Amino acid sequence: MRAAVQRVSRAVCRVDGEVTGETGPGLLVFLGVAPGDDGAAAARLAARIAKLRVFGDDRGRMNHSVTDVGGGILSISQFTLYADTRSGNRPSFLGAAPPDQARAVYVDFNAALRALGLPVGEGVFGAHMVIDATNDGPVTVILEQD
């Protein structure tokens, strides 16, 4: 499982012009699911993200987590995090989980974030989404979870 985590001052997801999820200050999380991933891995990754210290303290050092600052999360399923671009000009996505499995893990991931007390906005699995985000920093971190 992979996640690209961006610190944002705001992020909004729209599908067909309608807002499906959003967050104010917090994190925009793009989640990629691989064939071996399951709900337990999703819960472990959610816990790591909730504790990830990427928000500044009073001295500007990244010492606070999204939980510490009372932020929220916009969670977007993103199979393209498993793009294989080692050859040719067209990425291969064979490393991504099949849609039914990925959807189930995405649902588990969002439930795990909520169980940790975080407000979570969501994209729409499998839809063409338009993401509007204002990066804060910018700070982007890639996490891998087994």
Foldseek 3Di string as FASTA:
>chain_A
DKKKKWFFQKKFKDFPRHTQWMWGGAIEIEDFAFAVDDLVLLLVVLVCQQAPQQDQDPVGDRDGHCVRVVTAYEYEYDLCVQWDPPDDDDTDSNRGHPQVRSVNNSVSNVVSNVVVVHHYGYYDRPGDMDMDTGTDVGDIDMDDTD
